[in-house]
Amino acid sequence: MSDYLVRALAFDGKVRAFSVRTTETVGEAQQRHDTWPTASAALGRSMTAGVMMGAMLKGDDKITVKVEGKGPIGAIIVDSNSKGEVRGYVSHPHTHFDLNEHGKLDVRRAVGTDGLLTIVKDLGMRDFFTGSVPIVSGELGEDFTYYFVASEQVPSSVGLGVLVNPDNTILAAGGFIIQLMPGIEDDTISVIESKLSEMEPVSKLIAKGLSPEELLQEVLGAENVQVLDKMSVSFDCNCSKERFGTAILGLGEAEIQEIIDDEGQAEAQCHFCMEKYHFSQEDLESFINEIKS
């Protein structure tokens, strides 16, 4: 079944909720980048959070998530938008460790805990919002939770999970974001906290076949959830040869000529999707002619 995201309200509009299955989406990222299990979990969790945060935006707005915890995995970069499109990569995809003391992939060790989680929202018309918070856990779910509370002043709970098969493919991935709206009663908060403390890990629930709707019902209670809408989610990259050509053009005549003299051609690769674009000597010479004209 294809990946999708649901937006919902609960407890008479006092709770805003998002839930998503990202198994195929994270699976494509794993294949494109050949990530090893711990790196897959870190990237998958970040992409899952990123696509839900993108769903909070409108129109053509976009969001970039940067996780830089100074761990062996290096930086994690994720782009997403309001249409359910997401892409991402890690600096060191071949990062993997033995399971931690809880028998889970050691994402904290890979990510590190000495750095920042940064969210950049591109709201169009050159309007950018940037928020950064210290990485408090390295497990990422807790870190995104802390971001919402500290940077956006929205009490939230973020659950993220990725299960990896023995052959490194993705068995299950997904997550949820629960946000408390002003005026929520203490009794309601207690009910939510109790359910969160008792529920199974997100990845296991998705592996069991729970849909995003059922995941929210597990967190909030079936009788309390009102699903507003849902949308498809996919790995999507907007790179193109034209975009890379524009970047080469920006190098200037002297540097392009140097590439021609040294290599006779050029090849560019997208960090996000790993597609390669070849530029022949004729292509490079046409850039020089364009600069001169």
C-alpha atoms as a PDB file:
ATOM      1  CA  MET A   1       0.000   0.000   0.000  1.00  0.00           C
ATOM      2  CA  SER A   2       1.339   3.434  -0.911  1.00  0.00           C
ATOM      3  CA  ASP A   3       2.518   5.922   1.684  1.00  0.00           C
ATOM      4  CA  TYR A   4       0.171   8.654   2.814  1.00  0.00           C
ATOM      5  CA  LEU A   5      -0.362  11.240   5.545  1.00  0.00           C
ATOM      6  CA  VAL A   6      -3.482  12.205   7.470  1.00  0.00           C
ATOM      7  CA  ARG A   7      -4.338  15.472   9.197  1.00  0.00           C
ATOM      8  CA  ALA A   8      -6.762  15.301  12.081  1.00  0.00           C
ATOM      9  CA  LEU A   9      -8.271  17.027  15.075  1.00  0.00           C
ATOM     10  CA  ALA A  10      -9.149  15.406  18.386  1.00  0.00           C
ATOM     11  CA  PHE A  11     -10.906  16.205  21.633  1.00  0.00           C
ATOM     12  CA  ASP A  12     -13.214  18.827  20.102  1.00  0.00           C
ATOM     13  CA  GLY A  13     -10.428  20.635  18.275  1.00  0.00           C
ATOM     14  CA  LYS A  14      -8.168  20.973  21.313  1.00  0.00           C
ATOM     15  CA  VAL A  15      -5.597  18.648  19.716  1.00  0.00           C
ATOM     16  CA  ARG A  16      -4.060  18.894  16.247  1.00  0.00           C
ATOM     17  CA  ALA A  17      -2.590  15.666  14.901  1.00  0.00           C
ATOM     18  CA  PHE A  18      -0.609  14.340  11.949  1.00  0.00           C
ATOM     19  CA  SER A  19       0.247  10.746  11.149  1.00  0.00           C
ATOM     20  CA  VAL A  20       2.083   9.196   8.232  1.00  0.00           C
ATOM     21  CA  ARG A  21       3.314   5.923   6.798  1.00  0.00           C
ATOM     22  CA  THR A  22       6.648   6.425   5.012  1.00  0.00           C
ATOM     23  CA  THR A  23       7.777   2.836   4.409  1.00  0.00           C
ATOM     24  CA  GLU A  24       8.112   3.130   0.613  1.00  0.00           C
ATOM     25  CA  THR A  25       9.455   6.688   0.787  1.00  0.00           C
ATOM     26  CA  VAL A  26      12.217   5.802   3.237  1.00  0.00           C
ATOM     27  CA  GLY A  27      12.802   2.622   1.265  1.00  0.00           C
ATOM     28  CA  GLU A  28      13.534   4.622  -1.869  1.00  0.00           C
ATOM     29  CA  ALA A  29      15.960   6.844   0.047  1.00  0.00           C
ATOM     30  CA  GLN A  30      17.668   3.723   1.387  1.00  0.00           C
ATOM     31  CA  GLN A  31      18.078   2.327  -2.099  1.00  0.00           C
ATOM     32  CA  ARG A  32      19.299   5.567  -3.638  1.00  0.00           C
ATOM     33  CA  HIS A  33      21.893   6.167  -0.916  1.00  0.00           C
ATOM     34  CA  ASP A  34      22.683   2.556   0.040  1.00  0.00           C
ATOM     35  CA  THR A  35      22.261   3.476   3.703  1.00  0.00           C
ATOM     36  CA  TRP A  36      23.184   0.914   6.330  1.00  0.00           C
ATOM     37  CA  PRO A  37      20.631   0.132   9.071  1.00  0.00           C
ATOM     38  CA  THR A  38      21.504   2.764  11.686  1.00  0.00           C
ATOM     39  CA  ALA A  39      21.868   5.441   9.019  1.00  0.00           C
ATOM     40  CA  SER A  40      18.546   4.294   7.510  1.00  0.00           C
ATOM     41  CA  ALA A  41      16.815   4.720  10.861  1.00  0.00           C
ATOM     42  CA  ALA A  42      18.243   8.203  11.387  1.00  0.00           C
ATOM     43  CA  LEU A  43      17.454   9.367   7.864  1.00  0.00           C
ATOM     44  CA  GLY A  44      14.027   7.712   7.897  1.00  0.00           C
ATOM     45  CA  ARG A  45      13.024   9.295  11.181  1.00  0.00           C
ATOM     46  CA  SER A  46      14.148  12.712   9.948  1.00  0.00           C
ATOM     47  CA  MET A  47      12.293  12.345   6.637  1.00  0.00           C
ATOM     48  CA  THR A  48       9.165  11.209   8.471  1.00  0.00           C
ATOM     49  CA  ALA A  49       9.252  14.255  10.750  1.00  0.00           C
ATOM     50  CA  GLY A  50      10.073  16.499   7.816  1.00  0.00           C
ATOM     51  CA  VAL A  51       7.138  15.386   5.669  1.00  0.00           C
ATOM     52  CA  MET A  52       4.702  15.938   8.552  1.00  0.00           C
ATOM     53  CA  MET A  53       6.145  19.402   9.186  1.00  0.00           C
ATOM     54  CA  GLY A  54       5.810  20.116   5.471  1.00  0.00           C
ATOM     55  CA  ALA A  55       2.128  19.218   5.737  1.00  0.00           C
ATOM     56  CA  MET A  56       1.748  22.099   8.193  1.00  0.00           C
ATOM     57  CA  LEU A  57       2.658  24.551   5.424  1.00  0.00           C
ATOM     58  CA  LYS A  58       0.518  26.066   2.670  1.00  0.00           C
ATOM     59  CA  GLY A  59       0.813  26.572  -1.089  1.00  0.00           C
ATOM     60  CA  ASP A  60       4.363  26.445  -2.400  1.00  0.00           C
ATOM     61  CA  ASP A  61       6.018  26.877   1.005  1.00  0.00           C
ATOM     62  CA  LYS A  62       8.940  24.541   1.741  1.00  0.00           C
ATOM     63  CA  ILE A  63      10.880  23.388   4.766  1.00  0.00           C
ATOM     64  CA  THR A  64      14.437  22.187   5.303  1.00  0.00           C
ATOM     65  CA  VAL A  65      15.434  20.090   8.301  1.00  0.00           C
ATOM     66  CA  LYS A  66      19.093  20.002   9.331  1.00  0.00           C
ATOM     67  CA  VAL A  67      20.280  17.591  12.030  1.00  0.00           C
ATOM     68  CA  GLU A  68      23.892  18.241  12.949  1.00  0.00           C
ATOM     69  CA  GLY A  69      24.758  16.367  16.141  1.00  0.00           C
ATOM     70  CA  LYS A  70      28.478  15.911  15.387  1.00  0.00           C
ATOM     71  CA  GLY A  71      28.092  12.139  15.394  1.00  0.00           C
ATOM     72  CA  PRO A  72      29.638   9.649  12.913  1.00  0.00           C
ATOM     73  CA  ILE A  73      26.695   9.959  10.523  1.00  0.00           C
ATOM     74  CA  GLY A  74      27.491  13.635   9.904  1.00  0.00           C
ATOM     75  CA  ALA A  75      24.692  15.952   8.846  1.00  0.00           C
ATOM     76  CA  ILE A  76      21.174  14.826   7.960  1.00  0.00           C
ATOM     77  CA  ILE A  77      19.419  17.114   5.469  1.00  0.00           C
ATOM     78  CA  VAL A  78      15.736  16.807   4.565  1.00  0.00           C
ATOM     79  CA  ASP A  79      13.600  18.956   2.250  1.00  0.00           C
ATOM     80  CA  SER A  80       9.817  18.738   2.132  1.00  0.00           C
ATOM     81  CA  ASN A  81       6.795  20.765   1.067  1.00  0.00           C
ATOM     82  CA  SER A  82       3.052  21.052   1.614  1.00  0.00           C
ATOM     83  CA  LYS A  83       2.314  18.463  -1.103  1.00  0.00           C
ATOM     84  CA  GLY A  84       3.738  15.398   0.632  1.00  0.00           C
ATOM     85  CA  GLU A  85       6.983  15.462  -1.355  1.00  0.00           C
ATOM     86  CA  VAL A  86      10.173  14.816   0.592  1.00  0.00           C
ATOM     87  CA  ARG A  87      13.824  14.089  -0.090  1.00  0.00           C
ATOM     88  CA  GLY A  88      16.830  13.619   2.166  1.00  0.00           C
ATOM     89  CA  TYR A  89      20.386  12.412   2.606  1.00  0.00           C
ATOM     90  CA  VAL A  90      23.044  11.800   5.253  1.00  0.00           C
ATOM     91  CA  SER A  91      26.716  12.713   5.000  1.00  0.00           C
ATOM     92  CA  HIS A  92      27.901   9.178   5.805  1.00  0.00           C
ATOM     93  CA  PRO A  93      25.311   6.592   4.680  1.00  0.00           C
ATOM     94  CA  HIS A  94      27.524   3.622   5.574  1.00  0.00           C
ATOM     95  CA  THR A  95      27.100   4.171   9.326  1.00  0.00           C
ATOM     96  CA  HIS A  96      25.987   1.262  11.491  1.00  0.00           C
ATOM     97  CA  PHE A  97      26.499   0.033  15.056  1.00  0.00           C
ATOM     98  CA  ASP A  98      25.443  -2.880  17.188  1.00  0.00           C
ATOM     99  CA  LEU A  99      22.006  -2.589  18.795  1.00  0.00           C
ATOM    100  CA  ASN A 100      21.835  -0.420  21.906  1.00  0.00           C
ATOM    101  CA  GLU A 101      20.990  -1.598  25.439  1.00  0.00           C
ATOM    102  CA  HIS A 102      17.281  -1.554  24.539  1.00  0.00           C
ATOM    103  CA  GLY A 103      17.793  -3.856  21.571  1.00  0.00           C
ATOM    104  CA  LYS A 104      17.174  -1.054  19.066  1.00  0.00           C
ATOM    105  CA  LEU A 105      19.233   0.603  16.346  1.00  0.00           C
ATOM    106  CA  ASP A 106      21.638   3.013  18.056  1.00  0.00           C
ATOM    107  CA  VAL A 107      20.481   6.207  16.360  1.00  0.00           C
ATOM    108  CA  ARG A 108      21.699   8.382  19.239  1.00  0.00           C
ATOM    109  CA  ARG A 109      25.275   7.138  18.763  1.00  0.00           C
ATOM    110  CA  ALA A 110      25.124   7.771  15.031  1.00  0.00           C
ATOM    111  CA  VAL A 111      23.573  11.242  15.255  1.00  0.00           C
ATOM    112  CA  GLY A 112      25.440  12.531  18.290  1.00  0.00           C
ATOM    113  CA  THR A 113      24.167  14.900  20.956  1.00  0.00           C
ATOM    114  CA  ASP A 114      26.526  17.849  20.606  1.00  0.00           C
ATOM    115  CA  GLY A 115      24.900  20.080  18.026  1.00  0.00           C
ATOM    116  CA  LEU A 116      21.718  21.597  16.672  1.00  0.00           C
ATOM    117  CA  LEU A 117      18.419  20.719  15.070  1.00  0.00           C
ATOM    118  CA  THR A 118      17.616  23.543  12.657  1.00  0.00           C
ATOM    119  CA  ILE A 119      14.378  24.127  10.784  1.00  0.00           C
ATOM    120  CA  VAL A 120      14.302  26.574   7.853  1.00  0.00           C
ATOM    121  CA  LYS A 121      10.897  27.473   6.443  1.00  0.00           C
ATOM    122  CA  ASP A 122      10.844  29.028   2.969  1.00  0.00           C
ATOM    123  CA  LEU A 123       7.553  30.913   2.978  1.00  0.00           C
ATOM    124  CA  GLY A 124       8.022  32.532  -0.426  1.00  0.00           C
ATOM    125  CA  MET A 125       8.650  36.168  -1.358  1.00  0.00           C
ATOM    126  CA  ARG A 126      12.120  35.849   0.227  1.00  0.00           C
ATOM    127  CA  ASP A 127      10.474  35.289   3.595  1.00  0.00           C
ATOM    128  CA  PHE A 128      12.413  32.743   5.660  1.00  0.00           C
ATOM    129  CA  PHE A 129      11.877  31.534   9.212  1.00  0.00           C
ATOM    130  CA  THR A 130      14.770  29.774  10.934  1.00  0.00           C
ATOM    131  CA  GLY A 131      14.601  28.070  14.305  1.00  0.00           C
ATOM    132  CA  SER A 132      17.384  26.118  16.012  1.00  0.00           C
ATOM    133  CA  VAL A 133      17.460  24.119  19.217  1.00  0.00           C
ATOM    134  CA  PRO A 134      20.151  21.996  20.868  1.00  0.00           C
ATOM    135  CA  ILE A 135      19.926  18.273  20.211  1.00  0.00           C
ATOM    136  CA  VAL A 136      18.730  16.894  23.537  1.00  0.00           C
ATOM    137  CA  SER A 137      18.528  13.178  22.773  1.00  0.00           C
ATOM    138  CA  GLY A 138      19.888  12.157  19.391  1.00  0.00           C
ATOM    139  CA  GLU A 139      16.996   9.697  19.064  1.00  0.00           C
ATOM    140  CA  LEU A 140      15.262  12.421  17.014  1.00  0.00           C
ATOM    141  CA  GLY A 141      11.668  11.943  18.185  1.00  0.00           C
ATOM    142  CA  GLU A 142      12.513  13.710  21.441  1.00  0.00           C
ATOM    143  CA  ASP A 143      14.533  16.301  19.553  1.00  0.00           C
ATOM    144  CA  PHE A 144      11.648  17.287  17.283  1.00  0.00           C
ATOM    145  CA  THR A 145       9.374  17.356  20.334  1.00  0.00           C
ATOM    146  CA  TYR A 146      11.775  19.770  22.016  1.00  0.00           C
ATOM    147  CA  TYR A 147      11.942  21.910  18.862  1.00  0.00           C
ATOM    148  CA  PHE A 148       8.176  22.460  18.819  1.00  0.00           C
ATOM    149  CA  VAL A 149       8.101  23.373  22.496  1.00  0.00           C
ATOM    150  CA  ALA A 150      11.211  25.560  22.585  1.00  0.00           C
ATOM    151  CA  SER A 151      11.136  27.216  19.146  1.00  0.00           C
ATOM    152  CA  GLU A 152       7.440  27.357  18.256  1.00  0.00           C
ATOM    153  CA  GLN A 153       5.968  27.285  21.778  1.00  0.00           C
ATOM    154  CA  VAL A 154       3.585  24.463  20.876  1.00  0.00           C
ATOM    155  CA  PRO A 155       3.384  21.589  23.401  1.00  0.00           C
ATOM    156  CA  SER A 156       3.841  18.510  21.221  1.00  0.00           C
ATOM    157  CA  SER A 157       4.686  14.842  21.159  1.00  0.00           C
ATOM    158  CA  VAL A 158       6.555  13.405  18.171  1.00  0.00           C
ATOM    159  CA  GLY A 159       6.785   9.669  17.580  1.00  0.00           C
ATOM    160  CA  LEU A 160       9.065   8.358  14.826  1.00  0.00           C
ATOM    161  CA  GLY A 161      10.031   4.829  13.878  1.00  0.00           C
ATOM    162  CA  VAL A 162      11.903   2.813  11.254  1.00  0.00           C
ATOM    163  CA  LEU A 163      12.352  -0.961  11.127  1.00  0.00           C
ATOM    164  CA  VAL A 164      15.054  -2.377   8.849  1.00  0.00           C
ATOM    165  CA  ASN A 165      15.079  -5.856   7.299  1.00  0.00           C
ATOM    166  CA  PRO A 166      18.166  -8.124   7.514  1.00  0.00           C
ATOM    167  CA  ASP A 167      18.944  -7.281   3.856  1.00  0.00           C
ATOM    168  CA  ASN A 168      18.984  -3.517   4.712  1.00  0.00           C
ATOM    169  CA  THR A 169      15.649  -2.796   3.019  1.00  0.00           C
ATOM    170  CA  ILE A 170      12.953  -0.946   4.975  1.00  0.00           C
ATOM    171  CA  LEU A 171      10.308  -3.076   6.697  1.00  0.00           C
ATOM    172  CA  ALA A 172       8.263  -0.256   8.200  1.00  0.00           C
ATOM    173  CA  ALA A 173       8.528   3.500   8.727  1.00  0.00           C
ATOM    174  CA  GLY A 174       6.212   6.227   9.911  1.00  0.00           C
ATOM    175  CA  GLY A 175       5.257   8.482  12.754  1.00  0.00           C
ATOM    176  CA  PHE A 176       2.918  10.985  14.335  1.00  0.00           C
ATOM    177  CA  ILE A 177       2.874  14.511  15.715  1.00  0.00           C
ATOM    178  CA  ILE A 178       0.377  15.403  18.437  1.00  0.00           C
ATOM    179  CA  GLN A 179       0.019  19.111  19.290  1.00  0.00           C
ATOM    180  CA  LEU A 180      -1.960  20.616  22.167  1.00  0.00           C
ATOM    181  CA  MET A 181      -3.984  23.717  21.396  1.00  0.00           C
ATOM    182  CA  PRO A 182      -4.673  26.585  23.835  1.00  0.00           C
ATOM    183  CA  GLY A 183      -7.453  25.898  26.304  1.00  0.00           C
ATOM    184  CA  ILE A 184      -6.995  22.135  26.488  1.00  0.00           C
ATOM    185  CA  GLU A 185      -8.092  20.673  29.820  1.00  0.00           C
ATOM    186  CA  ASP A 186      -5.662  19.000  32.207  1.00  0.00           C
ATOM    187  CA  ASP A 187      -7.774  15.820  32.221  1.00  0.00           C
ATOM    188  CA  THR A 188      -7.391  15.539  28.435  1.00  0.00           C
ATOM    189  CA  ILE A 189      -3.637  15.999  28.700  1.00  0.00           C
ATOM    190  CA  SER A 190      -3.522  13.211  31.295  1.00  0.00           C
ATOM    191  CA  VAL A 191      -5.455  10.866  28.979  1.00  0.00           C
ATOM    192  CA  ILE A 192      -3.042  11.541  26.093  1.00  0.00           C
ATOM    193  CA  GLU A 193       0.035  11.138  28.288  1.00  0.00           C
ATOM    194  CA  SER A 194      -1.287   7.817  29.570  1.00  0.00           C
ATOM    195  CA  LYS A 195      -1.913   6.474  26.063  1.00  0.00           C
ATOM    196  CA  LEU A 196       1.525   7.618  24.877  1.00  0.00           C
ATOM    197  CA  SER A 197       3.227   5.851  27.779  1.00  0.00           C
ATOM    198  CA  GLU A 198       1.382   2.584  27.118  1.00  0.00           C
ATOM    199  CA  MET A 199       1.551   2.312  23.321  1.00  0.00           C
ATOM    200  CA  GLU A 200       3.945   0.087  21.386  1.00  0.00           C
ATOM    201  CA  PRO A 201       6.749   1.651  19.320  1.00  0.00           C
ATOM    202  CA  VAL A 202       5.487   3.361  16.179  1.00  0.00           C
ATOM    203  CA  SER A 203       7.541   1.197  13.824  1.00  0.00           C
ATOM    204  CA  LYS A 204       6.089  -2.012  15.294  1.00  0.00           C
ATOM    205  CA  LEU A 205       2.526  -0.723  14.954  1.00  0.00           C
ATOM    206  CA  ILE A 206       3.127   0.119  11.289  1.00  0.00           C
ATOM    207  CA  ALA A 207       4.788  -3.264  10.738  1.00  0.00           C
ATOM    208  CA  LYS A 208       1.614  -4.840  12.137  1.00  0.00           C
ATOM    209  CA  GLY A 209      -0.330  -3.103   9.388  1.00  0.00           C
ATOM    210  CA  LEU A 210      -1.836  -0.143  11.211  1.00  0.00           C
ATOM    211  CA  SER A 211      -2.800   2.711   8.886  1.00  0.00           C
ATOM    212  CA  PRO A 212      -2.026   6.354   9.735  1.00  0.00           C
ATOM    213  CA  GLU A 213      -5.648   6.743  10.864  1.00  0.00           C
ATOM    214  CA  GLU A 214      -5.391   3.716  13.132  1.00  0.00           C
ATOM    215  CA  LEU A 215      -2.092   4.974  14.498  1.00  0.00           C
ATOM    216  CA  LEU A 216      -3.779   8.188  15.637  1.00  0.00           C
ATOM    217  CA  GLN A 217      -6.622   6.172  17.117  1.00  0.00           C
ATOM    218  CA  GLU A 218      -4.030   4.168  19.040  1.00  0.00           C
ATOM    219  CA  VAL A 219      -2.529   7.389  20.425  1.00  0.00           C
ATOM    220  CA  LEU A 220      -5.695   9.397  21.045  1.00  0.00           C
ATOM    221  CA  GLY A 221      -8.552   6.907  21.207  1.00  0.00           C
ATOM    222  CA  ALA A 222     -10.762   6.011  18.242  1.00  0.00           C
ATOM    223  CA  GLU A 223     -13.728   7.911  19.633  1.00  0.00           C
ATOM    224  CA  ASN A 224     -11.728  11.145  19.880  1.00  0.00           C
ATOM    225  CA  VAL A 225     -10.167  11.418  16.385  1.00  0.00           C
ATOM    226  CA  GLN A 226     -11.691  13.408  13.532  1.00  0.00           C
ATOM    227  CA  VAL A 227      -9.716  12.921  10.295  1.00  0.00           C
ATOM    228  CA  LEU A 228      -9.757  16.083   8.174  1.00  0.00           C
ATOM    229  CA  ASP A 229      -7.980  14.903   5.033  1.00  0.00           C
ATOM    230  CA  LYS A 230      -5.186  12.762   3.686  1.00  0.00           C
ATOM    231  CA  MET A 231      -2.569  13.067   0.962  1.00  0.00           C
ATOM    232  CA  SER A 232      -0.028  10.866  -0.771  1.00  0.00           C
ATOM    233  CA  VAL A 233       3.583  10.947   0.366  1.00  0.00           C
ATOM    234  CA  SER A 234       6.585  10.176  -1.843  1.00  0.00           C
ATOM    235  CA  PHE A 235      10.316  10.637  -2.303  1.00  0.00           C
ATOM    236  CA  ASP A 236      10.576  13.451  -4.828  1.00  0.00           C
ATOM    237  CA  CYS A 237      13.582  15.433  -6.029  1.00  0.00           C
ATOM    238  CA  ASN A 238      13.349  18.567  -8.161  1.00  0.00           C
ATOM    239  CA  CYS A 239      16.910  18.456  -9.455  1.00  0.00           C
ATOM    240  CA  SER A 240      17.550  18.685 -13.198  1.00  0.00           C
ATOM    241  CA  LYS A 241      20.372  19.142 -15.693  1.00  0.00           C
ATOM    242  CA  GLU A 242      19.137  22.678 -16.232  1.00  0.00           C
ATOM    243  CA  ARG A 243      19.516  23.516 -12.537  1.00  0.00           C
ATOM    244  CA  PHE A 244      23.057  22.157 -12.435  1.00  0.00           C
ATOM    245  CA  GLY A 245      23.821  23.981 -15.660  1.00  0.00           C
ATOM    246  CA  THR A 246      22.764  27.235 -14.036  1.00  0.00           C
ATOM    247  CA  ALA A 247      25.137  26.475 -11.151  1.00  0.00           C
ATOM    248  CA  ILE A 248      28.029  25.830 -13.551  1.00  0.00           C
ATOM    249  CA  LEU A 249      27.194  29.031 -15.399  1.00  0.00           C
ATOM    250  CA  GLY A 250      27.569  30.841 -12.088  1.00  0.00           C
ATOM    251  CA  LEU A 251      31.184  29.702 -11.809  1.00  0.00           C
ATOM    252  CA  GLY A 252      32.218  32.253 -14.403  1.00  0.00           C
ATOM    253  CA  GLU A 253      34.198  32.091 -17.633  1.00  0.00           C
ATOM    254  CA  ALA A 254      37.656  31.504 -16.156  1.00  0.00           C
ATOM    255  CA  GLU A 255      36.669  28.584 -13.962  1.00  0.00           C
ATOM    256  CA  ILE A 256      34.619  26.904 -16.706  1.00  0.00           C
ATOM    257  CA  GLN A 257      37.571  27.251 -19.081  1.00  0.00           C
ATOM    258  CA  GLU A 258      39.789  25.662 -16.432  1.00  0.00           C
ATOM    259  CA  ILE A 259      37.420  22.676 -16.253  1.00  0.00           C
ATOM    260  CA  ILE A 260      37.593  22.336 -20.049  1.00  0.00           C
ATOM    261  CA  ASP A 261      41.412  22.506 -20.011  1.00  0.00           C
ATOM    262  CA  ASP A 262      41.800  20.035 -17.139  1.00  0.00           C
ATOM    263  CA  GLU A 263      38.979  17.552 -17.691  1.00  0.00           C
ATOM    264  CA  GLY A 264      37.359  18.317 -21.041  1.00  0.00           C
ATOM    265  CA  GLN A 265      33.948  17.683 -19.492  1.00  0.00           C
ATOM    266  CA  ALA A 266      32.069  17.846 -16.196  1.00  0.00           C
ATOM    267  CA  GLU A 267      29.787  15.633 -14.173  1.00  0.00           C
ATOM    268  CA  ALA A 268      27.492  16.769 -11.368  1.00  0.00           C
ATOM    269  CA  GLN A 269      25.653  14.584  -8.888  1.00  0.00           C
ATOM    270  CA  CYS A 270      22.628  15.483  -6.767  1.00  0.00           C
ATOM    271  CA  HIS A 271      23.173  14.886  -3.034  1.00  0.00           C
ATOM    272  CA  PHE A 272      19.485  14.130  -2.517  1.00  0.00           C
ATOM    273  CA  CYS A 273      18.651  11.596  -5.228  1.00  0.00           C
ATOM    274  CA  MET A 274      22.149  10.631  -6.474  1.00  0.00           C
ATOM    275  CA  GLU A 275      21.255  11.304 -10.124  1.00  0.00           C
ATOM    276  CA  LYS A 276      24.271  12.237 -12.250  1.00  0.00           C
ATOM    277  CA  TYR A 277      24.314  14.856 -15.003  1.00  0.00           C
ATOM    278  CA  HIS A 278      26.999  14.927 -17.678  1.00  0.00           C
ATOM    279  CA  PHE A 279      28.181  18.106 -19.384  1.00  0.00           C
ATOM    280  CA  SER A 280      30.275  17.662 -22.547  1.00  0.00           C
ATOM    281  CA  GLN A 281      32.971  20.051 -23.721  1.00  0.00           C
ATOM    282  CA  GLU A 282      30.407  21.488 -26.113  1.00  0.00           C
ATOM    283  CA  ASP A 283      28.029  22.119 -23.208  1.00  0.00           C
ATOM    284  CA  LEU A 284      30.737  23.914 -21.255  1.00  0.00           C
ATOM    285  CA  GLU A 285      31.798  25.977 -24.254  1.00  0.00           C
ATOM    286  CA  SER A 286      28.178  27.028 -24.770  1.00  0.00           C
ATOM    287  CA  PHE A 287      28.146  28.343 -21.184  1.00  0.00           C
ATOM    288  CA  ILE A 288      31.220  30.453 -21.940  1.00  0.00           C
ATOM    289  CA  ASN A 289      29.602  31.780 -25.090  1.00  0.00           C
ATOM    290  CA  GLU A 290      26.494  32.634 -23.083  1.00  0.00           C
ATOM    291  CA  ILE A 291      28.600  34.545 -20.548  1.00  0.00           C
ATOM    292  CA  LYS A 292      30.349  36.468 -23.317  1.00  0.00           C
ATOM    293  CA  SER A 293      27.149  37.356 -25.160  1.00  0.00           C
END
